[in-house]
Protein backbone atom coordinates (compact mmCIF):
# COMPACT_ATOMS: atom_id res chain seq x y z
CA MET A 1 17.15 102.18 291.37
CA THR A 2 20.60 101.17 290.24
CA GLU A 3 22.06 102.80 287.13
CA ARG A 4 21.23 99.71 285.05
CA GLN A 5 17.64 99.61 286.29
CA GLY A 6 17.35 103.32 285.62
CA ASN A 7 18.63 102.83 282.09
CA LEU A 8 15.96 100.21 281.39
CA SER A 9 13.22 102.55 282.61
CA GLU A 10 14.71 105.37 280.57
CA GLN A 11 14.76 103.08 277.54
CA LEU A 12 11.07 102.41 278.11
CA PHE A 13 10.28 106.12 278.20
CA SER A 14 12.79 107.59 275.75
CA SER A 15 10.64 107.29 272.62
CA VAL A 16 7.38 108.36 274.24
CA GLN A 17 8.19 111.59 276.07
CA HIS A 18 4.70 113.02 275.61
CA ALA A 19 2.63 109.83 275.67
CA PRO A 20 -0.98 110.22 276.86
CA GLU A 21 -1.94 108.77 280.23
CA THR A 22 -3.93 105.52 280.11
CA SER A 23 -7.31 106.82 281.29
CA THR A 24 -7.35 109.30 278.37
CA ILE A 25 -6.85 106.71 275.60
CA ALA A 26 -10.39 105.44 275.00
CA PHE A 27 -12.41 108.40 276.32
CA ARG A 28 -12.59 111.74 274.53
CA GLY A 29 -12.66 114.94 276.55
CA ARG A 30 -12.69 115.47 280.30
CA ARG A 31 -14.08 112.86 282.65
CA ASP A 32 -15.12 112.99 286.27
CA ALA A 33 -14.29 110.18 288.70
CA GLY A 34 -17.07 111.39 290.98
CA LEU A 35 -19.72 110.34 288.47
CA GLN A 36 -18.67 106.69 288.62
CA GLU A 37 -20.70 104.34 290.79
CA PRO A 38 -18.79 101.82 292.92
CA ALA A 39 -17.71 98.89 290.76
CA PRO A 40 -20.00 95.87 290.95
CA PHE A 41 -18.64 92.45 291.84
CA VAL A 42 -15.85 92.01 289.28
CA ASP A 43 -13.12 89.71 290.61
CA GLY A 44 -13.35 91.47 293.98
CA ALA A 45 -11.78 94.47 292.32
CA ASP A 46 -13.78 97.36 293.81
CA LEU A 47 -11.25 99.86 295.21
CA PRO A 48 -12.57 103.44 295.21
CA GLY A 49 -10.14 106.09 294.07
CA PHE A 50 -8.56 104.08 291.24
CA TYR A 51 -9.30 104.05 287.53
CA ARG A 52 -8.02 100.50 287.06
CA LEU A 53 -9.88 97.55 288.53
CA GLN A 54 -7.66 96.36 291.35
CA LYS A 55 -7.55 92.59 290.91
CA ARG A 56 -5.26 92.18 293.89
CA ALA A 57 -6.33 88.62 294.73
CA PHE A 58 -5.64 87.56 291.15
CA TRP A 59 -2.28 89.37 291.07
CA HIS A 60 -1.29 87.65 294.30
CA TRP A 61 -2.28 84.30 292.81
CA LEU A 62 -0.09 85.05 289.78
CA GLY A 63 2.89 85.42 292.09
CA HIS A 64 3.00 89.08 293.13
CA ASP A 65 3.71 89.69 296.81
CA SER A 66 0.66 91.22 298.52
CA ILE A 67 2.76 93.59 300.65
CA GLU A 68 4.58 94.80 297.55
CA ILE A 69 1.25 95.40 295.77
CA GLU A 70 -0.02 97.53 298.65
CA ALA A 71 3.28 99.42 298.93
CA THR A 72 3.24 100.21 295.21
CA LEU A 73 -0.35 101.44 295.32
CA ALA A 74 0.55 103.56 298.37
CA ARG A 75 3.37 105.23 296.44
CA MET A 76 0.90 106.09 293.70
CA ALA A 77 -1.53 107.52 296.23
CA ALA A 78 1.14 109.67 297.87
CA ALA A 79 2.68 110.97 294.63
CA GLU A 80 2.35 114.66 293.87
CA GLY A 81 1.59 116.08 290.45
CA PRO A 82 -1.33 116.63 288.06
CA ARG A 83 -3.58 113.67 287.39
CA SER A 84 -5.69 113.13 284.29
CA VAL A 85 -8.68 112.66 286.58
CA ALA A 86 -8.34 114.25 290.03
CA GLY A 87 -10.28 111.50 291.80
CA TRP A 88 -8.21 108.60 290.43
CA LEU A 89 -4.91 108.00 292.18
CA ASP A 90 -3.43 105.89 289.38
CA THR A 91 -3.72 108.57 286.69
CA LEU A 92 -0.59 110.64 287.37
CA ALA A 93 -0.04 112.27 284.01
CA GLU A 94 3.78 112.33 283.93
CA TYR A 95 6.05 109.31 283.64
CA LYS A 96 7.75 109.60 287.03
CA PRO A 97 7.47 108.07 290.53
CA GLY A 98 3.78 107.59 291.27
CA ASN A 99 2.82 106.93 287.65
CA TRP A 100 1.28 103.46 287.17
CA VAL A 101 3.51 102.41 284.27
CA TYR A 102 6.62 103.83 285.94
CA GLU A 103 6.11 102.10 289.30
CA TRP A 104 5.51 98.60 287.95
CA SER A 105 8.19 98.99 285.27
CA ARG A 106 10.71 99.93 287.96
CA LEU A 107 10.02 96.61 289.69
CA GLY A 108 10.21 94.85 286.34
CA ALA A 109 13.64 96.38 285.74
CA GLU A 110 14.86 95.17 289.14
CA ALA A 111 13.70 91.62 288.45
CA HIS A 112 15.22 91.73 284.97
CA GLN A 113 18.58 92.75 286.43
CA ALA A 114 18.35 89.96 289.03
CA ALA A 115 17.65 87.46 286.22
CA GLN A 116 20.74 88.55 284.32
CA ALA A 117 22.87 88.28 287.45
CA ALA A 118 21.50 84.88 288.52
CA SER A 119 24.04 82.08 288.89
CA ASP A 120 21.79 79.24 287.74
CA GLN A 121 19.09 78.74 285.13
CA THR A 122 16.28 78.01 287.61
CA GLU A 123 16.80 81.30 289.46
CA ALA A 124 17.18 83.19 286.18
CA ARG A 125 13.91 81.73 284.91
CA ALA A 126 12.08 82.70 288.11
CA GLN A 127 13.37 86.27 287.91
CA PHE A 128 12.55 86.62 284.21
CA LEU A 129 9.01 85.41 284.98
CA ALA A 130 8.78 87.99 287.76
CA ALA A 131 9.94 90.70 285.34
CA ALA A 132 7.31 89.57 282.84
CA ARG A 133 4.59 89.83 285.51
CA TYR A 134 5.68 93.32 286.56
CA PHE A 135 5.94 94.68 283.03
CA SER A 136 2.58 93.10 282.16
CA LEU A 137 1.00 94.81 285.16
CA ALA A 138 2.61 98.08 284.06
CA SER A 139 0.82 97.66 280.72
CA TYR A 140 -2.58 96.82 282.30
CA PRO A 141 -5.29 97.13 280.94
CA HIS A 142 -3.30 96.91 277.69
CA LEU A 143 -5.19 99.49 275.63
CA ARG A 144 -4.33 99.95 271.97
CA GLY A 145 -2.81 103.38 271.43
CA ASP A 146 -1.33 103.54 274.94
CA ARG A 147 2.29 104.03 273.93
CA LEU A 148 3.85 103.78 277.38
CA ALA A 149 1.90 100.62 278.12
CA LEU A 150 2.91 99.15 274.76
CA GLN A 151 6.59 99.62 275.61
CA ALA A 152 6.02 97.84 278.94
CA GLN A 153 4.19 95.07 277.11
CA LEU A 154 7.14 94.58 274.76
CA LEU A 155 9.47 94.23 277.74
CA ALA A 156 7.04 91.77 279.37
CA ASN A 157 7.10 89.52 276.31
CA GLN A 158 10.88 89.76 276.01
CA ALA A 159 11.25 88.62 279.63
CA TYR A 160 8.70 85.84 279.14
CA ARG A 161 10.58 84.52 276.12
CA GLU A 162 13.83 84.60 278.09
CA ALA A 163 12.17 82.56 280.83
CA GLY A 164 10.78 80.22 278.18
CA ARG A 165 14.25 79.51 276.80
CA ARG A 166 15.18 78.14 280.23
CA LEU A 167 12.35 75.61 280.47
CA PRO A 168 13.09 71.85 280.22
CA VAL A 169 11.25 71.99 276.89
CA PRO A 170 11.84 75.50 275.52
CA LEU A 171 8.79 77.69 274.87
CA LYS A 172 7.60 77.63 271.25
CA GLU A 173 6.37 80.75 269.48
CA LEU A 174 3.77 79.96 266.84
CA ARG A 175 2.75 82.28 264.03
CA ILE A 176 -0.44 81.09 262.35
CA PRO A 177 -1.50 82.69 259.05
CA PHE A 178 -4.91 84.37 259.03
CA ASN A 179 -6.30 86.84 256.48
CA GLY A 180 -2.90 88.02 255.32
CA LYS A 181 -1.58 88.48 258.87
CA GLU A 182 -0.54 86.15 261.67
CA VAL A 183 -2.07 84.99 264.93
CA GLN A 184 0.80 84.69 267.39
CA GLY A 185 0.69 82.32 270.35
CA TYR A 186 2.93 80.68 272.93
CA LEU A 187 3.05 76.88 272.99
CA HIS A 188 4.07 75.37 276.35
CA LEU A 189 5.15 71.71 276.35
CA PRO A 190 5.82 69.53 279.41
CA ALA A 191 7.47 66.91 277.15
CA SER A 192 8.59 66.60 273.52
CA ASP A 193 8.99 62.84 273.07
CA ARG A 194 5.34 62.19 272.16
CA PRO A 195 2.26 64.07 270.86
CA LEU A 196 0.46 65.66 273.80
CA PRO A 197 -3.16 66.63 274.44
CA LEU A 198 -3.56 70.36 273.87
CA VAL A 199 -5.52 73.04 275.72
CA ILE A 200 -6.00 76.36 273.90
CA VAL A 201 -6.31 79.11 276.52
CA SER A 202 -7.59 82.68 276.27
CA GLY A 203 -8.49 85.25 278.87
CA SER A 204 -10.52 88.40 279.19
CA LEU A 205 -10.27 91.62 277.22
CA ASP A 206 -7.85 93.05 279.80
CA SER A 207 -5.42 90.12 280.04
CA LEU A 208 -2.35 88.91 278.15
CA GLN A 209 -1.08 85.43 277.33
CA LEU A 210 1.48 85.77 280.12
CA ASP A 211 -1.30 85.60 282.73
CA PHE A 212 -1.69 81.86 282.29
CA TRP A 213 1.81 80.68 283.19
CA ARG A 214 0.77 79.79 286.75
CA PHE A 215 -2.17 77.72 285.46
CA TYR A 216 0.14 75.80 283.15
CA GLU A 217 2.90 75.31 285.72
CA ARG A 218 0.64 74.12 288.55
CA TYR A 219 -2.16 72.30 286.75
CA LEU A 220 -1.64 71.47 283.08
CA ALA A 221 2.07 70.55 282.95
CA PRO A 222 1.93 68.05 285.85
CA ALA A 223 -1.06 66.44 284.12
CA GLY A 224 0.91 66.05 280.87
CA MET A 225 -1.10 68.59 278.88
CA ALA A 226 0.32 71.19 276.48
CA MET A 227 -0.99 74.76 276.54
CA LEU A 228 -1.31 77.15 273.61
CA THR A 229 -2.18 80.71 274.66
CA VAL A 230 -3.88 83.10 272.24
CA ASP A 231 -4.71 86.77 272.83
CA MET A 232 -8.27 87.98 272.37
CA PRO A 233 -9.03 90.29 269.42
CA GLY A 234 -7.83 93.81 270.15
CA VAL A 235 -5.33 92.70 272.83
CA GLY A 236 -1.60 91.99 272.84
CA TYR A 237 -0.38 90.10 269.79
CA SER A 238 -3.96 90.19 268.41
CA SER A 239 -4.33 93.96 268.79
CA HIS A 240 -4.49 94.55 265.03
CA TRP A 241 -7.86 92.72 264.82
CA PRO A 242 -10.93 94.39 266.33
CA LEU A 243 -13.49 92.50 268.38
CA VAL A 244 -16.49 91.68 266.16
CA GLN A 245 -19.60 89.51 266.39
CA ASP A 246 -17.57 86.58 265.05
CA SER A 247 -15.54 86.72 268.28
CA SER A 248 -13.96 83.30 267.72
CA ARG A 249 -12.53 83.82 264.24
CA LEU A 250 -8.89 84.01 265.37
CA HIS A 251 -9.20 80.99 267.63
CA GLN A 252 -10.99 79.06 264.90
CA ALA A 253 -8.02 79.69 262.61
CA VAL A 254 -5.72 78.41 265.37
CA LEU A 255 -7.90 75.34 265.82
CA HIS A 256 -7.72 74.57 262.09
CA HIS A 257 -3.93 74.91 262.26
CA VAL A 258 -3.49 72.39 265.09
CA PRO A 259 -2.87 69.40 262.74
CA ASN A 260 0.25 71.25 261.54
CA ILE A 261 1.75 71.44 265.06
CA PRO A 262 4.07 68.42 265.40
CA TRP A 263 4.20 68.25 269.22
CA VAL A 264 0.46 67.85 269.90
CA ASP A 265 -2.27 65.27 269.29
CA GLU A 266 -4.86 66.84 266.99
CA ARG A 267 -7.46 64.31 268.18
CA ARG A 268 -7.24 65.56 271.78
CA VAL A 269 -7.80 69.31 271.77
CA ALA A 270 -9.79 71.38 274.28
CA MET A 271 -10.28 75.07 274.97
CA LEU A 272 -10.44 77.03 278.21
CA GLY A 273 -11.67 80.62 278.17
CA VAL A 274 -12.05 83.24 280.90
CA ARG A 275 -14.57 86.11 280.65
CA MET A 276 -14.75 87.05 276.95
CA GLY A 277 -12.51 84.08 276.31
CA GLY A 278 -15.39 81.99 277.68
CA ASN A 279 -17.63 83.51 275.01
CA VAL A 280 -15.12 82.31 272.40
CA ALA A 281 -14.81 78.85 273.94
CA ALA A 282 -18.58 78.29 274.07
CA ARG A 283 -18.93 79.62 270.52
CA LEU A 284 -16.34 77.17 269.21
CA ALA A 285 -17.98 74.31 271.10
CA CYS A 286 -21.02 74.96 268.90
CA LEU A 287 -19.18 75.66 265.64
CA GLU A 288 -16.38 73.08 265.84
CA PRO A 289 -17.77 69.96 267.56
CA PHE A 290 -15.50 67.64 265.55
CA ARG A 291 -12.28 69.47 266.44
CA LEU A 292 -12.83 70.05 270.17
CA ARG A 293 -13.03 67.30 272.77
CA ALA A 294 -13.97 69.55 275.70
CA VAL A 295 -14.47 73.18 276.72
CA VAL A 296 -14.20 75.10 280.00
CA CYS A 297 -15.79 78.54 280.45
CA ILE A 298 -14.73 80.45 283.57
CA ALA A 299 -17.02 83.41 284.33
CA GLY A 300 -17.93 83.45 280.64
CA ALA A 301 -19.59 86.47 279.04
CA GLY A 302 -22.29 84.64 277.14
CA ASN A 303 -25.46 86.72 277.07
CA LEU A 304 -26.70 88.65 280.11
CA PHE A 305 -23.93 91.27 280.19
CA PHE A 306 -24.57 92.14 276.55
CA THR A 307 -28.38 92.13 276.59
CA GLU A 308 -29.47 93.44 280.02
CA ARG A 309 -29.24 97.21 279.62
CA GLU A 310 -29.25 98.00 283.36
CA ARG A 311 -26.38 95.58 283.95
CA PHE A 312 -24.38 96.94 281.01
CA MET A 313 -24.84 100.55 282.19
CA ARG A 314 -23.23 99.71 285.55
CA THR A 315 -19.94 98.79 283.86
CA PRO A 316 -16.94 100.44 285.61
CA ALA A 317 -14.94 103.05 283.69
CA MET A 318 -11.85 100.95 283.00
CA LEU A 319 -13.93 98.05 281.72
CA ARG A 320 -15.90 100.46 279.51
CA ASP A 321 -12.67 101.77 278.02
CA THR A 322 -11.35 98.24 277.52
CA ILE A 323 -14.45 97.08 275.64
CA ALA A 324 -14.62 100.21 273.51
CA ASN A 325 -10.92 99.98 272.72
CA ARG A 326 -11.24 96.38 271.47
CA LEU A 327 -14.16 97.41 269.28
CA GLY A 328 -12.18 100.31 267.80
CA MET A 329 -14.53 102.85 269.38
CA HIS A 330 -14.53 105.43 272.21
CA SER A 331 -16.39 104.83 275.46
CA ASN A 332 -18.11 108.25 275.65
CA ASP A 333 -21.38 107.09 274.08
CA TRP A 334 -21.99 104.01 276.18
CA GLU A 335 -25.54 103.67 274.88
CA GLN A 336 -24.23 103.26 271.35
CA ILE A 337 -21.70 100.68 272.49
CA TYR A 338 -24.48 98.79 274.28
CA ARG A 339 -26.41 98.54 271.01
CA HIS A 340 -23.26 97.42 269.25
CA CYS A 341 -22.42 94.78 271.87
CA ARG A 342 -25.82 93.09 271.74
CA GLY A 343 -24.50 91.24 268.71
CA LEU A 344 -21.83 89.56 270.86
CA SER A 345 -24.50 87.67 272.82
CA LEU A 346 -24.43 83.94 272.06
CA LYS A 347 -28.18 83.85 272.63
CA THR A 348 -28.74 86.64 270.10
CA GLN A 349 -26.60 84.65 267.67
CA GLY A 350 -28.75 81.56 268.23
CA LEU A 351 -25.91 79.52 269.73
CA MET A 352 -26.71 79.42 273.44
CA GLY A 353 -28.97 76.43 274.05
CA ARG A 354 -27.95 74.81 270.78
CA ASN A 355 -26.94 71.58 272.58
CA THR A 356 -23.49 70.91 271.22
CA PRO A 357 -22.06 67.42 271.80
CA VAL A 358 -18.84 68.96 273.15
CA PRO A 359 -18.74 68.54 276.96
CA LEU A 360 -18.75 72.05 278.48
CA LEU A 361 -17.89 72.95 282.07
CA SER A 362 -19.18 76.38 283.13
CA ILE A 363 -17.70 77.83 286.33
CA GLY A 364 -18.41 81.13 288.04
CA HIS A 365 -19.25 82.98 291.23
CA ARG A 366 -22.92 83.22 292.16
CA HIS A 367 -22.84 87.03 292.47
CA ASP A 368 -20.49 87.82 289.61
CA PHE A 369 -21.39 90.94 287.65
CA ILE A 370 -20.64 89.59 284.17
CA CYS A 371 -21.50 85.92 284.69
CA PRO A 372 -23.98 85.46 287.57
CA GLU A 373 -25.57 82.12 288.41
CA PRO A 374 -28.23 82.14 285.62
CA GLU A 375 -25.46 82.71 283.06
CA ILE A 376 -23.32 79.93 284.51
CA GLN A 377 -26.26 77.55 284.17
CA ALA A 378 -27.18 78.74 280.68
CA LEU A 379 -23.66 78.20 279.33
CA ALA A 380 -23.61 74.68 280.74
CA GLY A 381 -26.99 74.08 279.11
CA THR A 382 -25.44 74.76 275.72
CA SER A 383 -23.90 71.27 275.86
CA TYR A 384 -25.51 67.82 276.06
CA GLY A 385 -22.77 66.88 278.51
CA GLY A 386 -22.59 70.25 280.20
CA ARG A 387 -21.96 70.87 283.87
CA ALA A 388 -22.40 74.06 285.92
CA LEU A 389 -20.25 74.76 288.96
CA VAL A 390 -21.53 77.73 290.97
CA LEU A 391 -19.14 79.08 293.59
CA ASP A 392 -20.28 81.38 296.39
CA LYS A 393 -17.44 81.42 298.90
CA LEU A 394 -14.71 83.88 299.74
CA PRO A 395 -11.77 84.54 299.83
CA LEU A 396 -11.23 84.77 296.10
CA LEU A 397 -7.89 82.92 296.25
CA GLN A 398 -9.80 79.84 297.36
CA VAL A 399 -12.27 80.36 294.53
CA TYR A 400 -9.42 80.52 291.99
CA GLU A 401 -7.93 77.28 293.26
CA THR A 402 -11.28 75.47 293.22
CA ALA A 403 -12.09 76.65 289.69
CA LEU A 404 -8.71 75.62 288.28
CA ILE A 405 -8.61 72.24 289.98
CA GLU A 406 -12.08 71.48 288.61
CA SER A 407 -10.99 72.73 285.18
CA ARG A 408 -7.93 70.49 285.14
CA ASP A 409 -9.95 67.45 286.21
CA TRP A 410 -12.57 68.13 283.53
CA LEU A 411 -9.91 68.43 280.84
CA LEU A 412 -8.15 65.26 282.02
CA ARG A 413 -11.40 63.35 281.97
CA HIS A 414 -12.21 64.28 278.37
CA LEU A 415 -8.73 64.42 276.82
């Protein structure tokens, strides 16, 4: 690293000299990697020897170079030093070469320096976006209480805002009042000379708003649609609200605020949700049929994951920690969390199968762990105008492209 890059990494670490390692945040006591079964089909992320789900196909789709991903993971594997869990290569306890946060933050610092040295705005924007991706990956899976990851997350958002200032229509940061606090979101606009149709977008419990830039750039912006990203409860800018049975309460507040946003058409609003974000989107399709024109659920967590005990008990360790962390709990007693999570099921709440008039597109992979084919069909059946799209092909990059093209076309048709 250059001196400037080193300084940025030192800045990241300076206030958290004795920060706990990520895999120790949501689990109390000692844990054994050997007790974990191989991860089921979750975004093709099964890579033995790692605590974090390795969503390499998704990271590549976001813009990360596949060779660089493999080289970074190899450095972690080869690093020497005590690990929080001996069997997990990405749990090096110290903040130094080989530590997950350190390695991705180092790349973020390099991209940030390149952005500052860039001679034109287009190159600077591309490098700031790269820095945002690296720092976001350093923070993954974005657990509350993970102080090193939080510092990386702050740098990710700083870089994203710098990139946003260099867009043809600068990125807008919205702060929407809710219960004495604020829901913070990024509003992306392809034009500012007329009110635009709006798509509210949210991801899974282990994603940040920054993860949807590629979807906006390639699909929504060329179609003339604005995008407002909102973090899920317990994540990112929404980390101060726990995940509860009323999973859509933050997004409902955002939806009610839309008429106050001058750049968008309040009569043409849709929502797209991925994973737990799909739970929120389907929920709002039932609760707010007069405010939403369409909904897309991608691999939505509607019912089966929360109610089928055998399925829930096969949840990989990182995903267990992520869910527990959003609930404000620890993942040690997974049976207790299972009982708690049953209330998140849309079927348990009496919403799945309610036949909302909001057109709902449900997309997923036939063998997906969280949203298998019966779940894809059931979510579509929640709407009078629902449609299920079941994908069963590989590679996953092709699946991503198919899902997002279909999503864009569905939104265009109804907005």
